[in-house]
Amino acid sequence: MPIARHYSLVTVAGVRLWREQGTVFRCRYDLVRVGQRNVSPVYNCVYLVDAEENILVSTATRPDGSVEERKLNLWPGLLARHHVEYGDGSMLVFNPENQTISTWFLSDDTTAKLGTVGKDCSESET
């Protein structure tokens, strides 16, 4: 699926650089394939920096020079690896009804604030 034109592109190396520079960003995980039975749901990671949406892409290019979105399986890819290393420090909440993911931040000891809500982009791929 072609990458939408309104996205900028970022690799994990770019995310590391943002962290080193202290750039504030938020993560949004958009559902691109619904999980069924033994198949995990698949997500794209979109980094929000100011008003810009940056979609995570693989470092390698295709033979034609194009790049592809980096697809993340719910487990273990997104939950156990990617969000821990390259996330924004938020808690992830999985909605089992529609398989979307929202991010939440603790604002004090008793209150959580909604960060982002992932989009359901799975219907456009069928």
PDB file of N, CA and C in Angstrom:
ATOM      1  N   MET A   1       0.852  -1.177   0.000  1.00  0.00           N
ATOM      2  CA  MET A   1       0.000   0.000   0.000  1.00  0.00           C
ATOM      3  C   MET A   1       0.896   1.237   0.000  1.00  0.00           C
ATOM      4  N   PRO A   2       0.683   2.168  -0.932  1.00  0.00           N
ATOM      5  CA  PRO A   2       1.517   3.373  -0.972  1.00  0.00           C
ATOM      6  C   PRO A   2       1.352   4.213   0.296  1.00  0.00           C
ATOM      7  N   ILE A   3       2.399   4.900   0.662  1.00  0.00           N
ATOM      8  CA  ILE A   3       2.372   5.766   1.838  1.00  0.00           C
ATOM      9  C   ILE A   3       1.642   7.063   1.466  1.00  0.00           C
ATOM     10  N   ALA A   4       0.691   7.461   2.294  1.00  0.00           N
ATOM     11  CA  ALA A   4      -0.061   8.685   2.029  1.00  0.00           C
ATOM     12  C   ALA A   4       0.879   9.887   1.983  1.00  0.00           C
ATOM     13  N   ARG A   5       0.576  10.823   1.125  1.00  0.00           N
ATOM     14  CA  ARG A   5       1.462  11.964   0.914  1.00  0.00           C
ATOM     15  C   ARG A   5       1.572  12.895   2.115  1.00  0.00           C
ATOM     16  N   HIS A   6       0.572  12.898   2.985  1.00  0.00           N
ATOM     17  CA  HIS A   6       0.628  13.831   4.115  1.00  0.00           C
ATOM     18  C   HIS A   6       1.587  13.367   5.206  1.00  0.00           C
ATOM     19  N   TYR A   7       2.117  12.140   5.093  1.00  0.00           N
ATOM     20  CA  TYR A   7       3.078  11.643   6.084  1.00  0.00           C
ATOM     21  C   TYR A   7       4.502  12.027   5.705  1.00  0.00           C
ATOM     22  N   SER A   8       5.277  12.378   6.715  1.00  0.00           N
ATOM     23  CA  SER A   8       6.723  12.422   6.551  1.00  0.00           C
ATOM     24  C   SER A   8       7.227  11.041   6.938  1.00  0.00           C
ATOM     25  N   LEU A   9       8.453  10.719   6.599  1.00  0.00           N
ATOM     26  CA  LEU A   9       9.003   9.400   6.872  1.00  0.00           C
ATOM     27  C   LEU A   9      10.035   9.479   7.993  1.00  0.00           C
ATOM     28  N   VAL A  10      10.087   8.447   8.825  1.00  0.00           N
ATOM     29  CA  VAL A  10      11.092   8.372   9.876  1.00  0.00           C
ATOM     30  C   VAL A  10      11.486   6.911  10.063  1.00  0.00           C
ATOM     31  N   THR A  11      12.754   6.684  10.360  1.00  0.00           N
ATOM     32  CA  THR A  11      13.260   5.350  10.688  1.00  0.00           C
ATOM     33  C   THR A  11      13.533   5.292  12.190  1.00  0.00           C
ATOM     34  N   VAL A  12      13.849   4.104  12.699  1.00  0.00           N
ATOM     35  CA  VAL A  12      14.176   4.014  14.126  1.00  0.00           C
ATOM     36  C   VAL A  12      15.413   4.849  14.449  1.00  0.00           C
ATOM     37  N   ALA A  13      16.332   4.997  13.500  1.00  0.00           N
ATOM     38  CA  ALA A  13      17.507   5.854  13.727  1.00  0.00           C
ATOM     39  C   ALA A  13      17.067   7.303  13.925  1.00  0.00           C
ATOM     40  N   GLY A  14      16.071   7.733  13.175  1.00  0.00           N
ATOM     41  CA  GLY A  14      15.531   9.084  13.353  1.00  0.00           C
ATOM     42  C   GLY A  14      14.881   9.263  14.708  1.00  0.00           C
ATOM     43  N   VAL A  15      14.173   8.236  15.173  1.00  0.00           N
ATOM     44  CA  VAL A  15      13.535   8.297  16.497  1.00  0.00           C
ATOM     45  C   VAL A  15      14.609   8.363  17.582  1.00  0.00           C
ATOM     46  N   ARG A  16      15.674   7.571  17.431  1.00  0.00           N
ATOM     47  CA  ARG A  16      16.794   7.642  18.394  1.00  0.00           C
ATOM     48  C   ARG A  16      17.359   9.058  18.456  1.00  0.00           C
ATOM     49  N   LEU A  17      17.520   9.676  17.287  1.00  0.00           N
ATOM     50  CA  LEU A  17      18.051  11.042  17.223  1.00  0.00           C
ATOM     51  C   LEU A  17      17.110  12.015  17.926  1.00  0.00           C
ATOM     52  N   TRP A  18      15.788  11.882  17.726  1.00  0.00           N
ATOM     53  CA  TRP A  18      14.836  12.732  18.439  1.00  0.00           C
ATOM     54  C   TRP A  18      15.011  12.592  19.937  1.00  0.00           C
ATOM     55  N   ARG A  19      15.164  11.361  20.394  1.00  0.00           N
ATOM     56  CA  ARG A  19      15.346  11.141  21.843  1.00  0.00           C
ATOM     57  C   ARG A  19      16.607  11.828  22.341  1.00  0.00           C
ATOM     58  N   GLU A  20      17.708  11.663  21.609  1.00  0.00           N
ATOM     59  CA  GLU A  20      18.980  12.285  22.011  1.00  0.00           C
ATOM     60  C   GLU A  20      18.865  13.802  22.052  1.00  0.00           C
ATOM     61  N   GLN A  21      18.109  14.384  21.139  1.00  0.00           N
ATOM     62  CA  GLN A  21      17.947  15.835  21.059  1.00  0.00           C
ATOM     63  C   GLN A  21      16.867  16.373  22.000  1.00  0.00           C
ATOM     64  N   GLY A  22      16.130  15.466  22.656  1.00  0.00           N
ATOM     65  CA  GLY A  22      15.067  15.891  23.556  1.00  0.00           C
ATOM     66  C   GLY A  22      13.791  16.341  22.852  1.00  0.00           C
ATOM     67  N   THR A  23      13.616  15.928  21.601  1.00  0.00           N
ATOM     68  CA  THR A  23      12.409  16.274  20.853  1.00  0.00           C
ATOM     69  C   THR A  23      11.198  15.578  21.470  1.00  0.00           C
ATOM     70  N   VAL A  24      10.138  16.330  21.708  1.00  0.00           N
ATOM     71  CA  VAL A  24       8.910  15.766  22.270  1.00  0.00           C
ATOM     72  C   VAL A  24       8.087  15.180  21.128  1.00  0.00           C
ATOM     73  N   PHE A  25       7.669  13.935  21.289  1.00  0.00           N
ATOM     74  CA  PHE A  25       6.824  13.293  20.292  1.00  0.00           C
ATOM     75  C   PHE A  25       5.806  12.404  20.981  1.00  0.00           C
ATOM     76  N   ARG A  26       4.766  12.058  20.242  1.00  0.00           N
ATOM     77  CA  ARG A  26       3.741  11.123  20.693  1.00  0.00           C
ATOM     78  C   ARG A  26       3.659  10.009  19.662  1.00  0.00           C
ATOM     79  N   CYS A  27       3.252   8.839  20.116  1.00  0.00           N
ATOM     80  CA  CYS A  27       3.086   7.692  19.225  1.00  0.00           C
ATOM     81  C   CYS A  27       1.605   7.407  19.026  1.00  0.00           C
ATOM     82  N   ARG A  28       1.257   7.053  17.804  1.00  0.00           N
ATOM     83  CA  ARG A  28      -0.079   6.567  17.503  1.00  0.00           C
ATOM     84  C   ARG A  28       0.088   5.280  16.709  1.00  0.00           C
ATOM     85  N   TYR A  29      -0.664   4.273  17.085  1.00  0.00           N
ATOM     86  CA  TYR A  29      -0.566   2.977  16.412  1.00  0.00           C
ATOM     87  C   TYR A  29      -1.845   2.739  15.629  1.00  0.00           C
ATOM     88  N   ASP A  30      -1.743   2.787  14.304  1.00  0.00           N
ATOM     89  CA  ASP A  30      -2.895   2.620  13.420  1.00  0.00           C
ATOM     90  C   ASP A  30      -3.012   1.159  12.987  1.00  0.00           C
ATOM     91  N   LEU A  31      -4.190   0.600  13.166  1.00  0.00           N
ATOM     92  CA  LEU A  31      -4.464  -0.786  12.804  1.00  0.00           C
ATOM     93  C   LEU A  31      -4.508  -0.920  11.288  1.00  0.00           C
ATOM     94  N   VAL A  32      -3.692  -1.830  10.730  1.00  0.00           N
ATOM     95  CA  VAL A  32      -3.700  -2.047   9.282  1.00  0.00           C
ATOM     96  C   VAL A  32      -4.161  -3.450   8.906  1.00  0.00           C
ATOM     97  N   ARG A  33      -4.111  -4.391   9.857  1.00  0.00           N
ATOM     98  CA  ARG A  33      -4.653  -5.727   9.609  1.00  0.00           C
ATOM     99  C   ARG A  33      -5.237  -6.270  10.897  1.00  0.00           C
ATOM    100  N   VAL A  34      -6.497  -6.661  10.839  1.00  0.00           N
ATOM    101  CA  VAL A  34      -7.197  -7.200  11.997  1.00  0.00           C
ATOM    102  C   VAL A  34      -6.663  -8.590  12.300  1.00  0.00           C
ATOM    103  N   GLY A  35      -6.461  -8.874  13.586  1.00  0.00           N
ATOM    104  CA  GLY A  35      -6.020 -10.201  14.002  1.00  0.00           C
ATOM    105  C   GLY A  35      -7.192 -11.166  14.056  1.00  0.00           C
ATOM    106  N   GLN A  36      -6.916 -12.412  13.709  1.00  0.00           N
ATOM    107  CA  GLN A  36      -7.937 -13.455  13.756  1.00  0.00           C
ATOM    108  C   GLN A  36      -7.288 -14.746  14.214  1.00  0.00           C
ATOM    109  N   ARG A  37      -7.962 -15.441  15.101  1.00  0.00           N
ATOM    110  CA  ARG A  37      -7.496 -16.725  15.642  1.00  0.00           C
ATOM    111  C   ARG A  37      -6.036 -16.653  16.060  1.00  0.00           C
ATOM    112  N   ASN A  38      -5.149 -17.283  15.327  1.00  0.00           N
ATOM    113  CA  ASN A  38      -3.730 -17.321  15.697  1.00  0.00           C
ATOM    114  C   ASN A  38      -2.894 -16.266  14.984  1.00  0.00           C
ATOM    115  N   VAL A  39      -3.529 -15.299  14.338  1.00  0.00           N
ATOM    116  CA  VAL A  39      -2.824 -14.245  13.610  1.00  0.00           C
ATOM    117  C   VAL A  39      -2.953 -12.941  14.397  1.00  0.00           C
ATOM    118  N   SER A  40      -1.830 -12.354  14.720  1.00  0.00           N
ATOM    119  CA  SER A  40      -1.811 -11.119  15.504  1.00  0.00           C
ATOM    120  C   SER A  40      -2.241  -9.923  14.667  1.00  0.00           C
ATOM    121  N   PRO A  41      -2.913  -8.937  15.274  1.00  0.00           N
ATOM    122  CA  PRO A  41      -3.188  -7.689  14.550  1.00  0.00           C
ATOM    123  C   PRO A  41      -1.867  -7.005  14.187  1.00  0.00           C
ATOM    124  N   VAL A  42      -1.908  -6.204  13.128  1.00  0.00           N
ATOM    125  CA  VAL A  42      -0.712  -5.516  12.640  1.00  0.00           C
ATOM    126  C   VAL A  42      -0.978  -4.016  12.614  1.00  0.00           C
ATOM    127  N   TYR A  43       0.038  -3.243  13.001  1.00  0.00           N
ATOM    128  CA  TYR A  43      -0.097  -1.790  13.146  1.00  0.00           C
ATOM    129  C   TYR A  43       1.027  -1.053  12.433  1.00  0.00           C
ATOM    130  N   ASN A  44       0.741   0.179  12.026  1.00  0.00           N
ATOM    131  CA  ASN A  44       1.758   1.137  11.623  1.00  0.00           C
ATOM    132  C   ASN A  44       1.960   2.085  12.788  1.00  0.00           C
ATOM    133  N   CYS A  45       3.187   2.506  13.003  1.00  0.00           N
ATOM    134  CA  CYS A  45       3.476   3.489  14.051  1.00  0.00           C
ATOM    135  C   CYS A  45       3.611   4.859  13.405  1.00  0.00           C
ATOM    136  N   VAL A  46       2.817   5.802  13.905  1.00  0.00           N
ATOM    137  CA  VAL A  46       2.880   7.182  13.438  1.00  0.00           C
ATOM    138  C   VAL A  46       3.381   8.036  14.597  1.00  0.00           C
ATOM    139  N   TYR A  47       4.474   8.745  14.368  1.00  0.00           N
ATOM    140  CA  TYR A  47       5.036   9.645  15.379  1.00  0.00           C
ATOM    141  C   TYR A  47       4.512  11.046  15.117  1.00  0.00           C
ATOM    142  N   LEU A  48       3.968  11.664  16.138  1.00  0.00           N
ATOM    143  CA  LEU A  48       3.433  13.017  16.040  1.00  0.00           C
ATOM    144  C   LEU A  48       4.423  13.975  16.681  1.00  0.00           C
ATOM    145  N   VAL A  49       4.991  14.849  15.869  1.00  0.00           N
ATOM    146  CA  VAL A  49       5.944  15.860  16.336  1.00  0.00           C
ATOM    147  C   VAL A  49       5.358  17.203  15.935  1.00  0.00           C
ATOM    148  N   ASP A  50       5.000  18.003  16.936  1.00  0.00           N
ATOM    149  CA  ASP A  50       4.240  19.237  16.693  1.00  0.00           C
ATOM    150  C   ASP A  50       2.981  18.834  15.916  1.00  0.00           C
ATOM    151  N   ALA A  51       2.749  19.394  14.759  1.00  0.00           N
ATOM    152  CA  ALA A  51       1.547  19.051  13.989  1.00  0.00           C
ATOM    153  C   ALA A  51       1.867  18.097  12.843  1.00  0.00           C
ATOM    154  N   GLU A  52       3.077  17.580  12.808  1.00  0.00           N
ATOM    155  CA  GLU A  52       3.514  16.731  11.696  1.00  0.00           C
ATOM    156  C   GLU A  52       3.360  15.249  12.031  1.00  0.00           C
ATOM    157  N   GLU A  53       2.833  14.483  11.077  1.00  0.00           N
ATOM    158  CA  GLU A  53       2.714  13.034  11.217  1.00  0.00           C
ATOM    159  C   GLU A  53       3.874  12.370  10.473  1.00  0.00           C
ATOM    160  N   ASN A  54       4.641  11.560  11.198  1.00  0.00           N
ATOM    161  CA  ASN A  54       5.789  10.853  10.635  1.00  0.00           C
ATOM    162  C   ASN A  54       5.529   9.358  10.743  1.00  0.00           C
ATOM    163  N   ILE A  55       5.471   8.669   9.614  1.00  0.00           N
ATOM    164  CA  ILE A  55       5.204   7.240   9.651  1.00  0.00           C
ATOM    165  C   ILE A  55       6.527   6.482   9.684  1.00  0.00           C
ATOM    166  N   LEU A  56       6.583   5.466  10.543  1.00  0.00           N
ATOM    167  CA  LEU A  56       7.787   4.659  10.682  1.00  0.00           C
ATOM    168  C   LEU A  56       7.955   3.792   9.445  1.00  0.00           C
ATOM    169  N   VAL A  57       9.138   3.859   8.839  1.00  0.00           N
ATOM    170  CA  VAL A  57       9.455   3.048   7.667  1.00  0.00           C
ATOM    171  C   VAL A  57      10.689   2.214   7.959  1.00  0.00           C
ATOM    172  N   SER A  58      10.850   1.157   7.180  1.00  0.00           N
ATOM    173  CA  SER A  58      12.045   0.328   7.331  1.00  0.00           C
ATOM    174  C   SER A  58      13.257   1.095   6.821  1.00  0.00           C
ATOM    175  N   THR A  59      14.417   0.722   7.308  1.00  0.00           N
ATOM    176  CA  THR A  59      15.657   1.387   6.907  1.00  0.00           C
ATOM    177  C   THR A  59      16.042   1.016   5.483  1.00  0.00           C
ATOM    178  N   ALA A  60      15.789  -0.231   5.113  1.00  0.00           N
ATOM    179  CA  ALA A  60      16.150  -0.705   3.782  1.00  0.00           C
ATOM    180  C   ALA A  60      15.155  -0.215   2.739  1.00  0.00           C
ATOM    181  N   THR A  61      15.657   0.012   1.539  1.00  0.00           N
ATOM    182  CA  THR A  61      14.784   0.388   0.431  1.00  0.00           C
ATOM    183  C   THR A  61      14.551  -0.816  -0.463  1.00  0.00           C
ATOM    184  N   ARG A  62      13.494  -0.747  -1.236  1.00  0.00           N
ATOM    185  CA  ARG A  62      13.197  -1.779  -2.232  1.00  0.00           C
ATOM    186  C   ARG A  62      14.124  -1.586  -3.428  1.00  0.00           C
ATOM    187  N   PRO A  63      14.203  -2.574  -4.295  1.00  0.00           N
ATOM    188  CA  PRO A  63      15.052  -2.423  -5.493  1.00  0.00           C
ATOM    189  C   PRO A  63      14.689  -1.209  -6.348  1.00  0.00           C
ATOM    190  N   ASP A  64      13.410  -0.799  -6.330  1.00  0.00           N
ATOM    191  CA  ASP A  64      13.012   0.371  -7.122  1.00  0.00           C
ATOM    192  C   ASP A  64      13.261   1.693  -6.396  1.00  0.00           C
ATOM    193  N   GLY A  65      13.837   1.630  -5.189  1.00  0.00           N
ATOM    194  CA  GLY A  65      14.164   2.831  -4.431  1.00  0.00           C
ATOM    195  C   GLY A  65      13.074   3.299  -3.482  1.00  0.00           C
ATOM    196  N   SER A  66      11.927   2.659  -3.484  1.00  0.00           N
ATOM    197  CA  SER A  66      10.844   3.058  -2.588  1.00  0.00           C
ATOM    198  C   SER A  66      11.055   2.456  -1.196  1.00  0.00           C
ATOM    199  N   VAL A  67      10.336   2.991  -0.236  1.00  0.00           N
ATOM    200  CA  VAL A  67      10.388   2.467   1.126  1.00  0.00           C
ATOM    201  C   VAL A  67       9.002   1.973   1.511  1.00  0.00           C
ATOM    202  N   GLU A  68       8.965   1.129   2.517  1.00  0.00           N
ATOM    203  CA  GLU A  68       7.711   0.535   2.957  1.00  0.00           C
ATOM    204  C   GLU A  68       7.495   0.838   4.427  1.00  0.00           C
ATOM    205  N   GLU A  69       6.206   0.999   4.803  1.00  0.00           N
ATOM    206  CA  GLU A  69       5.897   1.199   6.208  1.00  0.00           C
ATOM    207  C   GLU A  69       6.415  -0.002   6.991  1.00  0.00           C
ATOM    208  N   ARG A  70       6.871   0.266   8.197  1.00  0.00           N
ATOM    209  CA  ARG A  70       7.319  -0.824   9.059  1.00  0.00           C
ATOM    210  C   ARG A  70       6.099  -1.349   9.809  1.00  0.00           C
ATOM    211  N   LYS A  71       5.709  -2.560   9.518  1.00  0.00           N
ATOM    212  CA  LYS A  71       4.538  -3.181  10.135  1.00  0.00           C
ATOM    213  C   LYS A  71       4.939  -3.800  11.466  1.00  0.00           C
ATOM    214  N   LEU A  72       4.118  -3.591  12.495  1.00  0.00           N
ATOM    215  CA  LEU A  72       4.401  -4.112  13.825  1.00  0.00           C
ATOM    216  C   LEU A  72       3.272  -5.033  14.270  1.00  0.00           C
ATOM    217  N   ASN A  73       3.605  -6.279  14.598  1.00  0.00           N
ATOM    218  CA  ASN A  73       2.633  -7.186  15.195  1.00  0.00           C
ATOM    219  C   ASN A  73       2.375  -6.728  16.617  1.00  0.00           C
ATOM    220  N   LEU A  74       1.154  -6.974  17.087  1.00  0.00           N
ATOM    221  CA  LEU A  74       0.811  -6.587  18.456  1.00  0.00           C
ATOM    222  C   LEU A  74       1.773  -7.213  19.452  1.00  0.00           C
ATOM    223  N   TRP A  75       1.976  -8.527  19.356  1.00  0.00           N
ATOM    224  CA  TRP A  75       2.861  -9.237  20.277  1.00  0.00           C
ATOM    225  C   TRP A  75       3.787 -10.116  19.481  1.00  0.00           C
ATOM    226  N   PRO A  76       5.058 -10.117  19.769  1.00  0.00           N
ATOM    227  CA  PRO A  76       5.746  -9.313  20.772  1.00  0.00           C
ATOM    228  C   PRO A  76       6.246  -7.982  20.233  1.00  0.00           C
ATOM    229  N   GLY A  77       6.140  -7.781  18.908  1.00  0.00           N
ATOM    230  CA  GLY A  77       6.737  -6.613  18.270  1.00  0.00           C
ATOM    231  C   GLY A  77       6.403  -5.284  18.890  1.00  0.00           C
ATOM    232  N   LEU A  78       5.115  -4.945  18.951  1.00  0.00           N
ATOM    233  CA  LEU A  78       4.721  -3.626  19.427  1.00  0.00           C
ATOM    234  C   LEU A  78       4.801  -3.526  20.945  1.00  0.00           C
ATOM    235  N   LEU A  79       4.184  -4.468  21.643  1.00  0.00           N
ATOM    236  CA  LEU A  79       4.098  -4.367  23.109  1.00  0.00           C
ATOM    237  C   LEU A  79       5.417  -4.642  23.820  1.00  0.00           C
ATOM    238  N   ALA A  80       6.111  -5.676  23.422  1.00  0.00           N
ATOM    239  CA  ALA A  80       7.296  -6.078  24.178  1.00  0.00           C
ATOM    240  C   ALA A  80       8.590  -5.437  23.688  1.00  0.00           C
ATOM    241  N   ARG A  81       8.584  -4.927  22.470  1.00  0.00           N
ATOM    242  CA  ARG A  81       9.839  -4.386  21.936  1.00  0.00           C
ATOM    243  C   ARG A  81       9.745  -2.921  21.529  1.00  0.00           C
ATOM    244  N   HIS A  82       8.977  -2.664  20.482  1.00  0.00           N
ATOM    245  CA  HIS A  82       9.016  -1.336  19.866  1.00  0.00           C
ATOM    246  C   HIS A  82       8.623  -0.211  20.829  1.00  0.00           C
ATOM    247  N   HIS A  83       7.488  -0.323  21.495  1.00  0.00           N
ATOM    248  CA  HIS A  83       7.040   0.780  22.349  1.00  0.00           C
ATOM    249  C   HIS A  83       7.978   0.993  23.535  1.00  0.00           C
ATOM    250  N   VAL A  84       8.570  -0.078  24.028  1.00  0.00           N
ATOM    251  CA  VAL A  84       9.515   0.046  25.142  1.00  0.00           C
ATOM    252  C   VAL A  84      10.760   0.819  24.698  1.00  0.00           C
ATOM    253  N   GLU A  85      11.291   0.490  23.515  1.00  0.00           N
ATOM    254  CA  GLU A  85      12.528   1.121  23.044  1.00  0.00           C
ATOM    255  C   GLU A  85      12.319   2.461  22.352  1.00  0.00           C
ATOM    256  N   TYR A  86      11.241   2.579  21.572  1.00  0.00           N
ATOM    257  CA  TYR A  86      11.077   3.761  20.718  1.00  0.00           C
ATOM    258  C   TYR A  86       9.770   4.509  20.970  1.00  0.00           C
ATOM    259  N   GLY A  87       9.082   4.162  22.035  1.00  0.00           N
ATOM    260  CA  GLY A  87       7.808   4.803  22.344  1.00  0.00           C
ATOM    261  C   GLY A  87       7.978   6.132  23.057  1.00  0.00           C
ATOM    262  N   ASP A  88       6.851   6.702  23.452  1.00  0.00           N
ATOM    263  CA  ASP A  88       6.825   8.027  24.061  1.00  0.00           C
ATOM    264  C   ASP A  88       6.648   7.999  25.578  1.00  0.00           C
ATOM    265  N   GLY A  89       6.768   6.819  26.191  1.00  0.00           N
ATOM    266  CA  GLY A  89       6.631   6.711  27.635  1.00  0.00           C
ATOM    267  C   GLY A  89       5.200   6.531  28.103  1.00  0.00           C
ATOM    268  N   SER A  90       4.279   6.408  27.179  1.00  0.00           N
ATOM    269  CA  SER A  90       2.868   6.263  27.536  1.00  0.00           C
ATOM    270  C   SER A  90       2.524   4.807  27.838  1.00  0.00           C
ATOM    271  N   MET A  91       1.350   4.634  28.442  1.00  0.00           N
ATOM    272  CA  MET A  91       0.792   3.298  28.637  1.00  0.00           C
ATOM    273  C   MET A  91      -0.056   2.990  27.409  1.00  0.00           C
ATOM    274  N   LEU A  92      -0.067   1.728  26.993  1.00  0.00           N
ATOM    275  CA  LEU A  92      -0.887   1.321  25.858  1.00  0.00           C
ATOM    276  C   LEU A  92      -2.138   0.619  26.360  1.00  0.00           C
ATOM    277  N   VAL A  93      -3.268   0.949  25.761  1.00  0.00           N
ATOM    278  CA  VAL A  93      -4.530   0.299  26.092  1.00  0.00           C
ATOM    279  C   VAL A  93      -5.088  -0.304  24.805  1.00  0.00           C
ATOM    280  N   PHE A  94      -5.302  -1.611  24.839  1.00  0.00           N
ATOM    281  CA  PHE A  94      -5.809  -2.350  23.695  1.00  0.00           C
ATOM    282  C   PHE A  94      -7.318  -2.493  23.827  1.00  0.00           C
ATOM    283  N   ASN A  95      -8.060  -2.107  22.799  1.00  0.00           N
ATOM    284  CA  ASN A  95      -9.506  -2.265  22.782  1.00  0.00           C
ATOM    285  C   ASN A  95      -9.821  -3.583  22.078  1.00  0.00           C
ATOM    286  N   PRO A  96     -10.272  -4.603  22.814  1.00  0.00           N
ATOM    287  CA  PRO A  96     -10.497  -5.910  22.191  1.00  0.00           C
ATOM    288  C   PRO A  96     -11.667  -5.931  21.209  1.00  0.00           C
ATOM    289  N   GLU A  97     -12.560  -4.972  21.287  1.00  0.00           N
ATOM    290  CA  GLU A  97     -13.707  -4.951  20.373  1.00  0.00           C
ATOM    291  C   GLU A  97     -13.312  -4.596  18.945  1.00  0.00           C
ATOM    292  N   ASN A  98     -12.447  -3.597  18.784  1.00  0.00           N
ATOM    293  CA  ASN A  98     -12.061  -3.189  17.430  1.00  0.00           C
ATOM    294  C   ASN A  98     -10.550  -3.281  17.184  1.00  0.00           C
ATOM    295  N   GLN A  99      -9.805  -3.759  18.167  1.00  0.00           N
ATOM    296  CA  GLN A  99      -8.357  -4.006  18.099  1.00  0.00           C
ATOM    297  C   GLN A  99      -7.527  -2.736  17.912  1.00  0.00           C
ATOM    298  N   THR A 100      -8.112  -1.573  18.214  1.00  0.00           N
ATOM    299  CA  THR A 100      -7.331  -0.345  18.161  1.00  0.00           C
ATOM    300  C   THR A 100      -6.561  -0.166  19.469  1.00  0.00           C
ATOM    301  N   ILE A 101      -5.554   0.688  19.417  1.00  0.00           N
ATOM    302  CA  ILE A 101      -4.704   0.961  20.581  1.00  0.00           C
ATOM    303  C   ILE A 101      -4.744   2.450  20.878  1.00  0.00           C
ATOM    304  N   SER A 102      -4.921   2.788  22.142  1.00  0.00           N
ATOM    305  CA  SER A 102      -4.822   4.184  22.570  1.00  0.00           C
ATOM    306  C   SER A 102      -3.637   4.301  23.525  1.00  0.00           C
ATOM    307  N   THR A 103      -3.095   5.506  23.614  1.00  0.00           N
ATOM    308  CA  THR A 103      -1.997   5.766  24.541  1.00  0.00           C
ATOM    309  C   THR A 103      -2.505   6.672  25.655  1.00  0.00           C
ATOM    310  N   TRP A 104      -2.004   6.451  26.852  1.00  0.00           N
ATOM    311  CA  TRP A 104      -2.425   7.207  28.032  1.00  0.00           C
ATOM    312  C   TRP A 104      -1.192   7.609  28.832  1.00  0.00           C
ATOM    313  N   PHE A 105      -1.259   8.798  29.430  1.00  0.00           N
ATOM    314  CA  PHE A 105      -0.190   9.308  30.276  1.00  0.00           C
ATOM    315  C   PHE A 105      -0.725   9.548  31.682  1.00  0.00           C
ATOM    316  N   LEU A 106       0.077   9.212  32.671  1.00  0.00           N
ATOM    317  CA  LEU A 106      -0.293   9.530  34.052  1.00  0.00           C
ATOM    318  C   LEU A 106       0.023  10.994  34.303  1.00  0.00           C
ATOM    319  N   SER A 107      -0.998  11.757  34.701  1.00  0.00           N
ATOM    320  CA  SER A 107      -0.769  13.178  34.975  1.00  0.00           C
ATOM    321  C   SER A 107      -0.480  13.426  36.450  1.00  0.00           C
ATOM    322  N   ASP A 108      -0.910  12.528  37.313  1.00  0.00           N
ATOM    323  CA  ASP A 108      -0.546  12.531  38.722  1.00  0.00           C
ATOM    324  C   ASP A 108      -0.777  11.113  39.228  1.00  0.00           C
ATOM    325  N   ASP A 109      -0.797  10.911  40.516  1.00  0.00           N
ATOM    326  CA  ASP A 109      -0.914   9.559  41.050  1.00  0.00           C
ATOM    327  C   ASP A 109      -2.253   8.892  40.774  1.00  0.00           C
ATOM    328  N   THR A 110      -3.291   9.676  40.465  1.00  0.00           N
ATOM    329  CA  THR A 110      -4.623   9.088  40.327  1.00  0.00           C
ATOM    330  C   THR A 110      -5.304   9.353  38.987  1.00  0.00           C
ATOM    331  N   THR A 111      -4.687  10.108  38.109  1.00  0.00           N
ATOM    332  CA  THR A 111      -5.356  10.511  36.886  1.00  0.00           C
ATOM    333  C   THR A 111      -4.537  10.130  35.659  1.00  0.00           C
ATOM    334  N   ALA A 112      -5.225   9.547  34.673  1.00  0.00           N
ATOM    335  CA  ALA A 112      -4.595   9.249  33.390  1.00  0.00           C
ATOM    336  C   ALA A 112      -5.212  10.159  32.337  1.00  0.00           C
ATOM    337  N   LYS A 113      -4.377  10.630  31.410  1.00  0.00           N
ATOM    338  CA  LYS A 113      -4.832  11.530  30.350  1.00  0.00           C
ATOM    339  C   LYS A 113      -4.628  10.839  29.007  1.00  0.00           C
ATOM    340  N   LEU A 114      -5.654  10.885  28.165  1.00  0.00           N
ATOM    341  CA  LEU A 114      -5.575  10.281  26.843  1.00  0.00           C
ATOM    342  C   LEU A 114      -4.534  10.991  25.996  1.00  0.00           C
ATOM    343  N   GLY A 115      -3.647  10.200  25.398  1.00  0.00           N
ATOM    344  CA  GLY A 115      -2.630  10.764  24.515  1.00  0.00           C
ATOM    345  C   GLY A 115      -3.066  10.701  23.061  1.00  0.00           C
ATOM    346  N   THR A 116      -3.180   9.493  22.520  1.00  0.00           N
ATOM    347  CA  THR A 116      -3.587   9.308  21.131  1.00  0.00           C
ATOM    348  C   THR A 116      -4.549   8.129  21.033  1.00  0.00           C
ATOM    349  N   VAL A 117      -5.306   8.105  19.951  1.00  0.00           N
ATOM    350  CA  VAL A 117      -6.180   6.977  19.633  1.00  0.00           C
ATOM    351  C   VAL A 117      -5.833   6.521  18.237  1.00  0.00           C
ATOM    352  N   GLY A 118      -5.455   5.254  18.101  1.00  0.00           N
ATOM    353  CA  GLY A 118      -5.084   4.727  16.800  1.00  0.00           C
ATOM    354  C   GLY A 118      -6.272   4.681  15.842  1.00  0.00           C
ATOM    355  N   LYS A 119      -5.971   4.891  14.574  1.00  0.00           N
ATOM    356  CA  LYS A 119      -7.004   4.834  13.535  1.00  0.00           C
ATOM    357  C   LYS A 119      -7.163   3.387  13.058  1.00  0.00           C
ATOM    358  N   ASP A 120      -8.357   3.052  12.626  1.00  0.00           N
ATOM    359  CA  ASP A 120      -8.602   1.744  12.019  1.00  0.00           C
ATOM    360  C   ASP A 120      -8.477   1.902  10.517  1.00  0.00           C
ATOM    361  N   CYS A 121      -7.337   1.510   9.977  1.00  0.00           N
ATOM    362  CA  CYS A 121      -7.072   1.609   8.535  1.00  0.00           C
ATOM    363  C   CYS A 121      -7.194   0.236   7.881  1.00  0.00           C
ATOM    364  N   SER A 122      -7.705  -0.740   8.589  1.00  0.00           N
ATOM    365  CA  SER A 122      -7.738  -2.116   8.076  1.00  0.00           C
ATOM    366  C   SER A 122      -8.716  -2.286   6.937  1.00  0.00           C
ATOM    367  N   GLU A 123      -9.785  -1.534   6.875  1.00  0.00           N
ATOM    368  CA  GLU A 123     -10.788  -1.712   5.827  1.00  0.00           C
ATOM    369  C   GLU A 123     -10.264  -1.315   4.455  1.00  0.00           C
ATOM    370  N   SER A 124      -9.347  -0.374   4.391  1.00  0.00           N
ATOM    371  CA  SER A 124      -8.828   0.074   3.096  1.00  0.00           C
ATOM    372  C   SER A 124      -7.896  -0.950   2.466  1.00  0.00           C
ATOM    373  N   GLU A 125      -7.412  -1.917   3.250  1.00  0.00           N
ATOM    374  CA  GLU A 125      -6.493  -2.928   2.721  1.00  0.00           C
ATOM    375  C   GLU A 125      -7.195  -4.171   2.240  1.00  0.00           C
ATOM    376  N   THR A 126      -8.495  -4.293   2.433  1.00  0.00           N
ATOM    377  CA  THR A 126      -9.189  -5.499   2.003  1.00  0.00           C
ATOM    378  C   THR A 126      -9.691  -5.394   0.590  1.00  0.00           C
TER     379      THR A 126
END
